[in-house]
Amino acid sequence: MYNPDTELLFPPRILPDLRDLRSAPWQELVTTAIAAGPASPEQIAIVLMMARMNNCATCNSDSYRAMKGCTICARQSLKRCRESDQQLIEVFHSTREEVKDYLQKKTSYHQDDLSDHLQK
């Protein structure tokens, strides 16, 4: 079954649909991530956090989640989430630091590779 709302990983396009599902701090976090833009550590971190929460890596085209679509899956995951909004925000901050560390290492690696190439 094909559902146009189903993607391989959590799609950032559905973040606005998730904004009002929880309290004001959550709403502010989602608003900030959306405003930061697609290449920002904030949006990458919230996408990674939601992909982990929704267990996107185990979703496949035959699964119930895929048949319902990413929007319904993510909404359901957030509604069922037992963590408080403060705990979710802490997970977000931790994930954002993980993303920043990864991006910094990736940038350092490419800079080292470029300087090695220029020295040759």
PDB file of N, CA and C in Angstrom:
ATOM      1  N   MET A   1       0.844  -1.183   0.000  1.00  0.00           N
ATOM      2  CA  MET A   1       0.000   0.000   0.000  1.00  0.00           C
ATOM      3  C   MET A   1       0.887   1.243   0.000  1.00  0.00           C
ATOM      4  N   TYR A   2       0.542   2.211  -0.804  1.00  0.00           N
ATOM      5  CA  TYR A   2       1.322   3.444  -0.893  1.00  0.00           C
ATOM      6  C   TYR A   2       0.616   4.567  -0.149  1.00  0.00           C
ATOM      7  N   ASN A   3       1.336   5.239   0.708  1.00  0.00           N
ATOM      8  CA  ASN A   3       0.797   6.394   1.424  1.00  0.00           C
ATOM      9  C   ASN A   3       1.744   7.560   1.164  1.00  0.00           C
ATOM     10  N   PRO A   4       1.275   8.645   0.581  1.00  0.00           N
ATOM     11  CA  PRO A   4       2.162   9.774   0.266  1.00  0.00           C
ATOM     12  C   PRO A   4       2.726  10.467   1.508  1.00  0.00           C
ATOM     13  N   ASP A   5       2.204  10.137   2.681  1.00  0.00           N
ATOM     14  CA  ASP A   5       2.694  10.733   3.921  1.00  0.00           C
ATOM     15  C   ASP A   5       3.791   9.889   4.568  1.00  0.00           C
ATOM     16  N   THR A   6       4.182   8.808   3.939  1.00  0.00           N
ATOM     17  CA  THR A   6       5.179   7.903   4.506  1.00  0.00           C
ATOM     18  C   THR A   6       6.531   8.125   3.849  1.00  0.00           C
ATOM     19  N   GLU A   7       7.556   8.326   4.674  1.00  0.00           N
ATOM     20  CA  GLU A   7       8.914   8.519   4.186  1.00  0.00           C
ATOM     21  C   GLU A   7       9.849   7.556   4.912  1.00  0.00           C
ATOM     22  N   LEU A   8      11.117   7.544   4.510  1.00  0.00           N
ATOM     23  CA  LEU A   8      12.078   6.620   5.119  1.00  0.00           C
ATOM     24  C   LEU A   8      12.401   6.971   6.561  1.00  0.00           C
ATOM     25  N   LEU A   9      12.547   8.252   6.837  1.00  0.00           N
ATOM     26  CA  LEU A   9      12.820   8.737   8.189  1.00  0.00           C
ATOM     27  C   LEU A   9      11.848   9.853   8.520  1.00  0.00           C
ATOM     28  N   PHE A  10      11.856  10.262   9.759  1.00  0.00           N
ATOM     29  CA  PHE A  10      10.960  11.322  10.201  1.00  0.00           C
ATOM     30  C   PHE A  10      11.126  12.563   9.318  1.00  0.00           C
ATOM     31  N   PRO A  11      10.048  13.017   8.683  1.00  0.00           N
ATOM     32  CA  PRO A  11      10.140  14.191   7.808  1.00  0.00           C
ATOM     33  C   PRO A  11       9.913  15.501   8.572  1.00  0.00           C
ATOM     34  N   PRO A  12      10.832  16.449   8.452  1.00  0.00           N
ATOM     35  CA  PRO A  12      10.665  17.719   9.168  1.00  0.00           C
ATOM     36  C   PRO A  12       9.432  18.507   8.740  1.00  0.00           C
ATOM     37  N   ARG A  13       8.871  18.182   7.602  1.00  0.00           N
ATOM     38  CA  ARG A  13       7.688  18.896   7.130  1.00  0.00           C
ATOM     39  C   ARG A  13       6.490  18.721   8.055  1.00  0.00           C
ATOM     40  N   ILE A  14       6.510  17.704   8.921  1.00  0.00           N
ATOM     41  CA  ILE A  14       5.365  17.500   9.812  1.00  0.00           C
ATOM     42  C   ILE A  14       5.565  18.133  11.193  1.00  0.00           C
ATOM     43  N   LEU A  15       6.691  18.789  11.404  1.00  0.00           N
ATOM     44  CA  LEU A  15       6.916  19.444  12.698  1.00  0.00           C
ATOM     45  C   LEU A  15       5.784  20.406  13.078  1.00  0.00           C
ATOM     46  N   PRO A  16       5.278  21.225  12.158  1.00  0.00           N
ATOM     47  CA  PRO A  16       4.167  22.109  12.550  1.00  0.00           C
ATOM     48  C   PRO A  16       2.941  21.352  13.066  1.00  0.00           C
ATOM     49  N   ASP A  17       2.733  20.141  12.580  1.00  0.00           N
ATOM     50  CA  ASP A  17       1.596  19.335  13.044  1.00  0.00           C
ATOM     51  C   ASP A  17       1.786  18.819  14.464  1.00  0.00           C
ATOM     52  N   LEU A  18       3.022  18.830  14.940  1.00  0.00           N
ATOM     53  CA  LEU A  18       3.321  18.298  16.274  1.00  0.00           C
ATOM     54  C   LEU A  18       3.442  19.388  17.333  1.00  0.00           C
ATOM     55  N   ARG A  19       3.507  20.620  16.884  1.00  0.00           N
ATOM     56  CA  ARG A  19       3.772  21.750  17.780  1.00  0.00           C
ATOM     57  C   ARG A  19       2.765  21.829  18.922  1.00  0.00           C
ATOM     58  N   ASP A  20       1.499  21.702  18.656  1.00  0.00           N
ATOM     59  CA  ASP A  20       0.472  21.944  19.679  1.00  0.00           C
ATOM     60  C   ASP A  20       0.062  20.706  20.465  1.00  0.00           C
ATOM     61  N   LEU A  21       0.821  19.629  20.358  1.00  0.00           N
ATOM     62  CA  LEU A  21       0.449  18.403  21.056  1.00  0.00           C
ATOM     63  C   LEU A  21       0.868  18.386  22.518  1.00  0.00           C
ATOM     64  N   ARG A  22       1.766  19.297  22.895  1.00  0.00           N
ATOM     65  CA  ARG A  22       2.262  19.305  24.267  1.00  0.00           C
ATOM     66  C   ARG A  22       2.273  20.732  24.785  1.00  0.00           C
ATOM     67  N   SER A  23       2.945  20.963  25.899  1.00  0.00           N
ATOM     68  CA  SER A  23       2.908  22.252  26.592  1.00  0.00           C
ATOM     69  C   SER A  23       3.685  23.361  25.867  1.00  0.00           C
ATOM     70  N   ALA A  24       3.647  24.549  26.451  1.00  0.00           N
ATOM     71  CA  ALA A  24       4.301  25.729  25.871  1.00  0.00           C
ATOM     72  C   ALA A  24       5.805  25.530  25.644  1.00  0.00           C
ATOM     73  N   PRO A  25       6.559  24.922  26.579  1.00  0.00           N
ATOM     74  CA  PRO A  25       7.993  24.716  26.309  1.00  0.00           C
ATOM     75  C   PRO A  25       8.238  23.841  25.074  1.00  0.00           C
ATOM     76  N   TRP A  26       7.419  22.810  24.880  1.00  0.00           N
ATOM     77  CA  TRP A  26       7.535  21.965  23.698  1.00  0.00           C
ATOM     78  C   TRP A  26       7.212  22.781  22.443  1.00  0.00           C
ATOM     79  N   GLN A  27       6.166  23.554  22.510  1.00  0.00           N
ATOM     80  CA  GLN A  27       5.765  24.382  21.375  1.00  0.00           C
ATOM     81  C   GLN A  27       6.878  25.352  20.981  1.00  0.00           C
ATOM     82  N   GLU A  28       7.518  25.926  21.988  1.00  0.00           N
ATOM     83  CA  GLU A  28       8.626  26.849  21.731  1.00  0.00           C
ATOM     84  C   GLU A  28       9.807  26.114  21.092  1.00  0.00           C
ATOM     85  N   LEU A  29      10.094  24.925  21.571  1.00  0.00           N
ATOM     86  CA  LEU A  29      11.186  24.120  21.012  1.00  0.00           C
ATOM     87  C   LEU A  29      10.933  23.815  19.539  1.00  0.00           C
ATOM     88  N   VAL A  30       9.737  23.374  19.214  1.00  0.00           N
ATOM     89  CA  VAL A  30       9.395  23.044  17.833  1.00  0.00           C
ATOM     90  C   VAL A  30       9.443  24.295  16.961  1.00  0.00           C
ATOM     91  N   THR A  31       8.908  25.394  17.463  1.00  0.00           N
ATOM     92  CA  THR A  31       8.929  26.657  16.711  1.00  0.00           C
ATOM     93  C   THR A  31      10.358  27.089  16.423  1.00  0.00           C
ATOM     94  N   THR A  32      11.222  26.984  17.407  1.00  0.00           N
ATOM     95  CA  THR A  32      12.635  27.355  17.244  1.00  0.00           C
ATOM     96  C   THR A  32      13.315  26.458  16.214  1.00  0.00           C
ATOM     97  N   ALA A  33      13.049  25.160  16.278  1.00  0.00           N
ATOM     98  CA  ALA A  33      13.661  24.213  15.335  1.00  0.00           C
ATOM     99  C   ALA A  33      13.199  24.493  13.905  1.00  0.00           C
ATOM    100  N   ILE A  34      11.928  24.794  13.737  1.00  0.00           N
ATOM    101  CA  ILE A  34      11.409  25.093  12.400  1.00  0.00           C
ATOM    102  C   ILE A  34      12.060  26.363  11.863  1.00  0.00           C
ATOM    103  N   ALA A  35      12.123  27.387  12.695  1.00  0.00           N
ATOM    104  CA  ALA A  35      12.676  28.680  12.273  1.00  0.00           C
ATOM    105  C   ALA A  35      14.168  28.602  11.978  1.00  0.00           C
ATOM    106  N   ALA A  36      14.865  27.681  12.627  1.00  0.00           N
ATOM    107  CA  ALA A  36      16.320  27.570  12.459  1.00  0.00           C
ATOM    108  C   ALA A  36      16.717  27.117  11.065  1.00  0.00           C
ATOM    109  N   GLY A  37      15.840  26.414  10.386  1.00  0.00           N
ATOM    110  CA  GLY A  37      16.139  25.978   9.024  1.00  0.00           C
ATOM    111  C   GLY A  37      16.605  24.539   8.956  1.00  0.00           C
ATOM    112  N   PRO A  38      16.529  23.950   7.760  1.00  0.00           N
ATOM    113  CA  PRO A  38      16.787  22.516   7.602  1.00  0.00           C
ATOM    114  C   PRO A  38      18.218  22.070   7.862  1.00  0.00           C
ATOM    115  N   ALA A  39      19.198  22.939   7.691  1.00  0.00           N
ATOM    116  CA  ALA A  39      20.592  22.540   7.901  1.00  0.00           C
ATOM    117  C   ALA A  39      21.092  22.878   9.296  1.00  0.00           C
ATOM    118  N   SER A  40      20.229  23.406  10.140  1.00  0.00           N
ATOM    119  CA  SER A  40      20.647  23.820  11.483  1.00  0.00           C
ATOM    120  C   SER A  40      20.756  22.623  12.416  1.00  0.00           C
ATOM    121  N   PRO A  41      21.642  22.702  13.403  1.00  0.00           N
ATOM    122  CA  PRO A  41      21.730  21.627  14.399  1.00  0.00           C
ATOM    123  C   PRO A  41      20.405  21.422  15.140  1.00  0.00           C
ATOM    124  N   GLU A  42      19.630  22.489  15.305  1.00  0.00           N
ATOM    125  CA  GLU A  42      18.359  22.383  16.013  1.00  0.00           C
ATOM    126  C   GLU A  42      17.373  21.508  15.239  1.00  0.00           C
ATOM    127  N   GLN A  43      17.239  21.762  13.939  1.00  0.00           N
ATOM    128  CA  GLN A  43      16.287  20.972  13.171  1.00  0.00           C
ATOM    129  C   GLN A  43      16.791  19.546  12.944  1.00  0.00           C
ATOM    130  N   ILE A  44      18.079  19.407  12.721  1.00  0.00           N
ATOM    131  CA  ILE A  44      18.634  18.055  12.577  1.00  0.00           C
ATOM    132  C   ILE A  44      18.426  17.271  13.871  1.00  0.00           C
ATOM    133  N   ALA A  45      18.630  17.928  15.008  1.00  0.00           N
ATOM    134  CA  ALA A  45      18.481  17.254  16.299  1.00  0.00           C
ATOM    135  C   ALA A  45      17.039  16.844  16.565  1.00  0.00           C
ATOM    136  N   ILE A  46      16.079  17.700  16.244  1.00  0.00           N
ATOM    137  CA  ILE A  46      14.686  17.323  16.514  1.00  0.00           C
ATOM    138  C   ILE A  46      14.244  16.219  15.565  1.00  0.00           C
ATOM    139  N   VAL A  47      14.751  16.232  14.335  1.00  0.00           N
ATOM    140  CA  VAL A  47      14.441  15.144  13.398  1.00  0.00           C
ATOM    141  C   VAL A  47      15.029  13.828  13.906  1.00  0.00           C
ATOM    142  N   LEU A  48      16.281  13.862  14.362  1.00  0.00           N
ATOM    143  CA  LEU A  48      16.912  12.656  14.899  1.00  0.00           C
ATOM    144  C   LEU A  48      16.187  12.166  16.146  1.00  0.00           C
ATOM    145  N   MET A  49      15.845  13.081  17.033  1.00  0.00           N
ATOM    146  CA  MET A  49      15.133  12.716  18.253  1.00  0.00           C
ATOM    147  C   MET A  49      13.787  12.065  17.927  1.00  0.00           C
ATOM    148  N   MET A  50      13.045  12.659  17.008  1.00  0.00           N
ATOM    149  CA  MET A  50      11.741  12.110  16.638  1.00  0.00           C
ATOM    150  C   MET A  50      11.893  10.774  15.898  1.00  0.00           C
ATOM    151  N   ALA A  51      12.922  10.654  15.061  1.00  0.00           N
ATOM    152  CA  ALA A  51      13.159   9.387  14.357  1.00  0.00           C
ATOM    153  C   ALA A  51      13.444   8.274  15.357  1.00  0.00           C
ATOM    154  N   ARG A  52      14.178   8.591  16.398  1.00  0.00           N
ATOM    155  CA  ARG A  52      14.449   7.598  17.441  1.00  0.00           C
ATOM    156  C   ARG A  52      13.183   7.281  18.229  1.00  0.00           C
ATOM    157  N   MET A  53      12.429   8.323  18.589  1.00  0.00           N
ATOM    158  CA  MET A  53      11.213   8.126  19.377  1.00  0.00           C
ATOM    159  C   MET A  53      10.179   7.311  18.595  1.00  0.00           C
ATOM    160  N   ASN A  54      10.077   7.580  17.306  1.00  0.00           N
ATOM    161  CA  ASN A  54       9.096   6.889  16.465  1.00  0.00           C
ATOM    162  C   ASN A  54       9.607   5.538  15.981  1.00  0.00           C
ATOM    163  N   ASN A  55      10.880   5.279  16.223  1.00  0.00           N
ATOM    164  CA  ASN A  55      11.515   4.042  15.784  1.00  0.00           C
ATOM    165  C   ASN A  55      11.442   3.902  14.257  1.00  0.00           C
ATOM    166  N   CYS A  56      11.752   5.001  13.568  1.00  0.00           N
ATOM    167  CA  CYS A  56      11.655   5.055  12.102  1.00  0.00           C
ATOM    168  C   CYS A  56      12.529   3.998  11.414  1.00  0.00           C
ATOM    169  N   ALA A  57      13.640   3.647  12.024  1.00  0.00           N
ATOM    170  CA  ALA A  57      14.568   2.701  11.383  1.00  0.00           C
ATOM    171  C   ALA A  57      13.938   1.317  11.186  1.00  0.00           C
ATOM    172  N   THR A  58      12.930   0.987  11.984  1.00  0.00           N
ATOM    173  CA  THR A  58      12.305  -0.335  11.856  1.00  0.00           C
ATOM    174  C   THR A  58      11.015  -0.307  11.038  1.00  0.00           C
ATOM    175  N   CYS A  59      10.632   0.867  10.568  1.00  0.00           N
ATOM    176  CA  CYS A  59       9.402   0.982   9.778  1.00  0.00           C
ATOM    177  C   CYS A  59       9.652   0.468   8.364  1.00  0.00           C
ATOM    178  N   ASN A  60       8.663  -0.204   7.799  1.00  0.00           N
ATOM    179  CA  ASN A  60       8.766  -0.653   6.411  1.00  0.00           C
ATOM    180  C   ASN A  60       7.411  -0.522   5.743  1.00  0.00           C
ATOM    181  N   SER A  61       7.380  -0.692   4.455  1.00  0.00           N
ATOM    182  CA  SER A  61       6.160  -0.421   3.691  1.00  0.00           C
ATOM    183  C   SER A  61       4.980  -1.301   4.085  1.00  0.00           C
ATOM    184  N   ASP A  62       5.235  -2.433   4.693  1.00  0.00           N
ATOM    185  CA  ASP A  62       4.148  -3.329   5.096  1.00  0.00           C
ATOM    186  C   ASP A  62       3.674  -3.092   6.527  1.00  0.00           C
ATOM    187  N   SER A  63       4.338  -2.209   7.238  1.00  0.00           N
ATOM    188  CA  SER A  63       3.982  -2.012   8.644  1.00  0.00           C
ATOM    189  C   SER A  63       2.736  -1.141   8.781  1.00  0.00           C
ATOM    190  N   TYR A  64       2.089  -1.322   9.888  1.00  0.00           N
ATOM    191  CA  TYR A  64       0.893  -0.540  10.198  1.00  0.00           C
ATOM    192  C   TYR A  64       1.235   0.946  10.237  1.00  0.00           C
ATOM    193  N   ARG A  65       2.398   1.268  10.827  1.00  0.00           N
ATOM    194  CA  ARG A  65       2.823   2.672  10.924  1.00  0.00           C
ATOM    195  C   ARG A  65       2.959   3.293   9.541  1.00  0.00           C
ATOM    196  N   ALA A  66       3.582   2.574   8.612  1.00  0.00           N
ATOM    197  CA  ALA A  66       3.775   3.099   7.262  1.00  0.00           C
ATOM    198  C   ALA A  66       2.441   3.276   6.551  1.00  0.00           C
ATOM    199  N   MET A  67       1.524   2.383   6.789  1.00  0.00           N
ATOM    200  CA  MET A  67       0.216   2.495   6.145  1.00  0.00           C
ATOM    201  C   MET A  67      -0.559   3.710   6.653  1.00  0.00           C
ATOM    202  N   LYS A  68      -0.370   4.042   7.906  1.00  0.00           N
ATOM    203  CA  LYS A  68      -1.034   5.212   8.482  1.00  0.00           C
ATOM    204  C   LYS A  68      -0.329   6.515   8.102  1.00  0.00           C
ATOM    205  N   GLY A  69       0.987   6.466   7.923  1.00  0.00           N
ATOM    206  CA  GLY A  69       1.747   7.646   7.540  1.00  0.00           C
ATOM    207  C   GLY A  69       2.544   8.233   8.693  1.00  0.00           C
ATOM    208  N   CYS A  70       3.531   9.024   8.339  1.00  0.00           N
ATOM    209  CA  CYS A  70       4.447   9.600   9.324  1.00  0.00           C
ATOM    210  C   CYS A  70       3.760  10.581  10.275  1.00  0.00           C
ATOM    211  N   THR A  71       2.822  11.356   9.772  1.00  0.00           N
ATOM    212  CA  THR A  71       2.160  12.346  10.622  1.00  0.00           C
ATOM    213  C   THR A  71       1.391  11.660  11.741  1.00  0.00           C
ATOM    214  N   ILE A  72       0.599  10.677  11.410  1.00  0.00           N
ATOM    215  CA  ILE A  72      -0.190   9.977  12.429  1.00  0.00           C
ATOM    216  C   ILE A  72       0.734   9.229  13.388  1.00  0.00           C
ATOM    217  N   CYS A  73       1.769   8.599  12.855  1.00  0.00           N
ATOM    218  CA  CYS A  73       2.727   7.864  13.697  1.00  0.00           C
ATOM    219  C   CYS A  73       3.390   8.793  14.710  1.00  0.00           C
ATOM    220  N   ALA A  74       3.873   9.941  14.232  1.00  0.00           N
ATOM    221  CA  ALA A  74       4.566  10.883  15.123  1.00  0.00           C
ATOM    222  C   ALA A  74       3.605  11.470  16.156  1.00  0.00           C
ATOM    223  N   ARG A  75       2.414  11.815  15.740  1.00  0.00           N
ATOM    224  CA  ARG A  75       1.414  12.354  16.680  1.00  0.00           C
ATOM    225  C   ARG A  75       1.111  11.313  17.763  1.00  0.00           C
ATOM    226  N   GLN A  76       0.947  10.079  17.346  1.00  0.00           N
ATOM    227  CA  GLN A  76       0.639   9.008  18.289  1.00  0.00           C
ATOM    228  C   GLN A  76       1.816   8.779  19.252  1.00  0.00           C
ATOM    229  N   SER A  77       3.029   8.804  18.721  1.00  0.00           N
ATOM    230  CA  SER A  77       4.214   8.612  19.571  1.00  0.00           C
ATOM    231  C   SER A  77       4.315   9.707  20.626  1.00  0.00           C
ATOM    232  N   LEU A  78       4.070  10.943  20.225  1.00  0.00           N
ATOM    233  CA  LEU A  78       4.137  12.044  21.189  1.00  0.00           C
ATOM    234  C   LEU A  78       3.028  11.957  22.227  1.00  0.00           C
ATOM    235  N   LYS A  79       1.855  11.554  21.820  1.00  0.00           N
ATOM    236  CA  LYS A  79       0.748  11.430  22.772  1.00  0.00           C
ATOM    237  C   LYS A  79       0.989  10.294  23.762  1.00  0.00           C
ATOM    238  N   ARG A  80       1.616   9.224  23.294  1.00  0.00           N
ATOM    239  CA  ARG A  80       1.884   8.069  24.156  1.00  0.00           C
ATOM    240  C   ARG A  80       3.145   8.220  25.001  1.00  0.00           C
ATOM    241  N   CYS A  81       3.957   9.189  24.663  1.00  0.00           N
ATOM    242  CA  CYS A  81       5.243   9.385  25.343  1.00  0.00           C
ATOM    243  C   CYS A  81       5.019   9.655  26.832  1.00  0.00           C
ATOM    244  N   ARG A  82       5.686   8.886  27.652  1.00  0.00           N
ATOM    245  CA  ARG A  82       5.507   9.014  29.103  1.00  0.00           C
ATOM    246  C   ARG A  82       6.439  10.045  29.729  1.00  0.00           C
ATOM    247  N   GLU A  83       7.451  10.459  28.977  1.00  0.00           N
ATOM    248  CA  GLU A  83       8.362  11.462  29.497  1.00  0.00           C
ATOM    249  C   GLU A  83       7.650  12.807  29.598  1.00  0.00           C
ATOM    250  N   SER A  84       8.064  13.582  30.582  1.00  0.00           N
ATOM    251  CA  SER A  84       7.514  14.932  30.706  1.00  0.00           C
ATOM    252  C   SER A  84       8.094  15.802  29.591  1.00  0.00           C
ATOM    253  N   ASP A  85       7.494  16.949  29.393  1.00  0.00           N
ATOM    254  CA  ASP A  85       8.019  17.860  28.385  1.00  0.00           C
ATOM    255  C   ASP A  85       9.436  18.286  28.723  1.00  0.00           C
ATOM    256  N   GLN A  86       9.715  18.470  30.009  1.00  0.00           N
ATOM    257  CA  GLN A  86      11.078  18.845  30.422  1.00  0.00           C
ATOM    258  C   GLN A  86      12.068  17.739  30.061  1.00  0.00           C
ATOM    259  N   GLN A  87      11.681  16.489  30.251  1.00  0.00           N
ATOM    260  CA  GLN A  87      12.551  15.375  29.881  1.00  0.00           C
ATOM    261  C   GLN A  87      12.765  15.324  28.371  1.00  0.00           C
ATOM    262  N   LEU A  88      11.710  15.568  27.593  1.00  0.00           N
ATOM    263  CA  LEU A  88      11.850  15.611  26.134  1.00  0.00           C
ATOM    264  C   LEU A  88      12.789  16.734  25.706  1.00  0.00           C
ATOM    265  N   ILE A  89      12.688  17.858  26.358  1.00  0.00           N
ATOM    266  CA  ILE A  89      13.561  18.991  26.032  1.00  0.00           C
ATOM    267  C   ILE A  89      15.005  18.655  26.380  1.00  0.00           C
ATOM    268  N   GLU A  90      15.221  17.950  27.487  1.00  0.00           N
ATOM    269  CA  GLU A  90      16.571  17.512  27.844  1.00  0.00           C
ATOM    270  C   GLU A  90      17.117  16.526  26.819  1.00  0.00           C
ATOM    271  N   VAL A  91      16.266  15.621  26.339  1.00  0.00           N
ATOM    272  CA  VAL A  91      16.677  14.688  25.281  1.00  0.00           C
ATOM    273  C   VAL A  91      17.047  15.471  24.024  1.00  0.00           C
ATOM    274  N   PHE A  92      16.256  16.483  23.700  1.00  0.00           N
ATOM    275  CA  PHE A  92      16.559  17.325  22.549  1.00  0.00           C
ATOM    276  C   PHE A  92      17.927  17.984  22.703  1.00  0.00           C
ATOM    277  N   HIS A  93      18.190  18.578  23.871  1.00  0.00           N
ATOM    278  CA  HIS A  93      19.484  19.250  24.094  1.00  0.00           C
ATOM    279  C   HIS A  93      20.642  18.264  23.974  1.00  0.00           C
ATOM    280  N   SER A  94      20.463  17.077  24.511  1.00  0.00           N
ATOM    281  CA  SER A  94      21.492  16.044  24.401  1.00  0.00           C
ATOM    282  C   SER A  94      21.712  15.653  22.944  1.00  0.00           C
ATOM    283  N   THR A  95      20.620  15.489  22.215  1.00  0.00           N
ATOM    284  CA  THR A  95      20.707  15.127  20.797  1.00  0.00           C
ATOM    285  C   THR A  95      21.349  16.254  19.997  1.00  0.00           C
ATOM    286  N   ARG A  96      21.023  17.500  20.330  1.00  0.00           N
ATOM    287  CA  ARG A  96      21.631  18.636  19.632  1.00  0.00           C
ATOM    288  C   ARG A  96      23.139  18.661  19.852  1.00  0.00           C
ATOM    289  N   GLU A  97      23.589  18.362  21.061  1.00  0.00           N
ATOM    290  CA  GLU A  97      25.028  18.308  21.322  1.00  0.00           C
ATOM    291  C   GLU A  97      25.680  17.180  20.527  1.00  0.00           C
ATOM    292  N   GLU A  98      24.994  16.054  20.430  1.00  0.00           N
ATOM    293  CA  GLU A  98      25.481  14.929  19.627  1.00  0.00           C
ATOM    294  C   GLU A  98      25.629  15.347  18.160  1.00  0.00           C
ATOM    295  N   VAL A  99      24.644  16.066  17.650  1.00  0.00           N
ATOM    296  CA  VAL A  99      24.687  16.551  16.264  1.00  0.00           C
ATOM    297  C   VAL A  99      25.826  17.543  16.076  1.00  0.00           C
ATOM    298  N   LYS A 100      25.962  18.480  17.019  1.00  0.00           N
ATOM    299  CA  LYS A 100      27.039  19.478  16.917  1.00  0.00           C
ATOM    300  C   LYS A 100      28.410  18.803  16.931  1.00  0.00           C
ATOM    301  N   ASP A 101      28.588  17.821  17.811  1.00  0.00           N
ATOM    302  CA  ASP A 101      29.853  17.089  17.867  1.00  0.00           C
ATOM    303  C   ASP A 101      30.133  16.389  16.538  1.00  0.00           C
ATOM    304  N   TYR A 102      29.110  15.752  15.989  1.00  0.00           N
ATOM    305  CA  TYR A 102      29.273  15.060  14.714  1.00  0.00           C
ATOM    306  C   TYR A 102      29.645  16.041  13.606  1.00  0.00           C
ATOM    307  N   LEU A 103      28.932  17.148  13.538  1.00  0.00           N
ATOM    308  CA  LEU A 103      29.208  18.144  12.491  1.00  0.00           C
ATOM    309  C   LEU A 103      30.604  18.741  12.641  1.00  0.00           C
ATOM    310  N   GLN A 104      31.032  18.958  13.879  1.00  0.00           N
ATOM    311  CA  GLN A 104      32.370  19.497  14.117  1.00  0.00           C
ATOM    312  C   GLN A 104      33.438  18.493  13.684  1.00  0.00           C
ATOM    313  N   LYS A 105      33.250  17.230  14.021  1.00  0.00           N
ATOM    314  CA  LYS A 105      34.212  16.198  13.620  1.00  0.00           C
ATOM    315  C   LYS A 105      34.249  16.066  12.104  1.00  0.00           C
ATOM    316  N   LYS A 106      33.085  16.119  11.490  1.00  0.00           N
ATOM    317  CA  LYS A 106      33.003  16.010  10.043  1.00  0.00           C
ATOM    318  C   LYS A 106      33.721  17.187   9.382  1.00  0.00           C
ATOM    319  N   THR A 107      33.520  18.386   9.895  1.00  0.00           N
ATOM    320  CA  THR A 107      34.175  19.574   9.369  1.00  0.00           C
ATOM    321  C   THR A 107      35.684  19.496   9.570  1.00  0.00           C
ATOM    322  N   SER A 108      36.118  19.060  10.750  1.00  0.00           N
ATOM    323  CA  SER A 108      37.551  18.919  11.029  1.00  0.00           C
ATOM    324  C   SER A 108      38.186  17.908  10.087  1.00  0.00           C
ATOM    325  N   TYR A 109      37.490  16.810   9.859  1.00  0.00           N
ATOM    326  CA  TYR A 109      37.999  15.774   8.965  1.00  0.00           C
ATOM    327  C   TYR A 109      38.177  16.328   7.560  1.00  0.00           C
ATOM    328  N   HIS A 110      37.197  17.045   7.074  1.00  0.00           N
ATOM    329  CA  HIS A 110      37.273  17.598   5.713  1.00  0.00           C
ATOM    330  C   HIS A 110      38.342  18.684   5.608  1.00  0.00           C
ATOM    331  N   GLN A 111      38.515  19.472   6.662  1.00  0.00           N
ATOM    332  CA  GLN A 111      39.564  20.498   6.648  1.00  0.00           C
ATOM    333  C   GLN A 111      40.937  19.851   6.631  1.00  0.00           C
ATOM    334  N   ASP A 112      41.125  18.793   7.419  1.00  0.00           N
ATOM    335  CA  ASP A 112      42.397  18.076   7.430  1.00  0.00           C
ATOM    336  C   ASP A 112      42.661  17.446   6.071  1.00  0.00           C
ATOM    337  N   ASP A 113      41.628  16.864   5.482  1.00  0.00           N
ATOM    338  CA  ASP A 113      41.753  16.241   4.171  1.00  0.00           C
ATOM    339  C   ASP A 113      42.097  17.286   3.114  1.00  0.00           C
ATOM    340  N   LEU A 114      41.479  18.458   3.189  1.00  0.00           N
ATOM    341  CA  LEU A 114      41.750  19.527   2.237  1.00  0.00           C
ATOM    342  C   LEU A 114      43.169  20.052   2.404  1.00  0.00           C
ATOM    343  N   SER A 115      43.614  20.254   3.635  1.00  0.00           N
ATOM    344  CA  SER A 115      44.972  20.768   3.830  1.00  0.00           C
ATOM    345  C   SER A 115      46.009  19.743   3.395  1.00  0.00           C
ATOM    346  N   ASP A 116      45.737  18.439   3.596  1.00  0.00           N
ATOM    347  CA  ASP A 116      46.652  17.402   3.088  1.00  0.00           C
ATOM    348  C   ASP A 116      46.718  17.437   1.571  1.00  0.00           C
ATOM    349  N   HIS A 117      45.593  17.645   0.952  1.00  0.00           N
ATOM    350  CA  HIS A 117      45.522  17.695  -0.508  1.00  0.00           C
ATOM    351  C   HIS A 117      46.271  18.927  -1.036  1.00  0.00           C
ATOM    352  N   LEU A 118      46.129  20.053  -0.350  1.00  0.00           N
ATOM    353  CA  LEU A 118      46.790  21.283  -0.800  1.00  0.00           C
ATOM    354  C   LEU A 118      48.302  21.233  -0.617  1.00  0.00           C
ATOM    355  N   GLN A 119      48.769  20.472   0.374  1.00  0.00           N
ATOM    356  CA  GLN A 119      50.201  20.359   0.616  1.00  0.00           C
ATOM    357  C   GLN A 119      50.892  19.491  -0.427  1.00  0.00           C
ATOM    358  N   LYS A 120      50.156  18.662  -1.113  1.00  0.00           N
ATOM    359  CA  LYS A 120      50.753  17.744  -2.082  1.00  0.00           C
ATOM    360  C   LYS A 120      51.103  18.419  -3.361  1.00  0.00           C
TER     361      LYS A 120
END
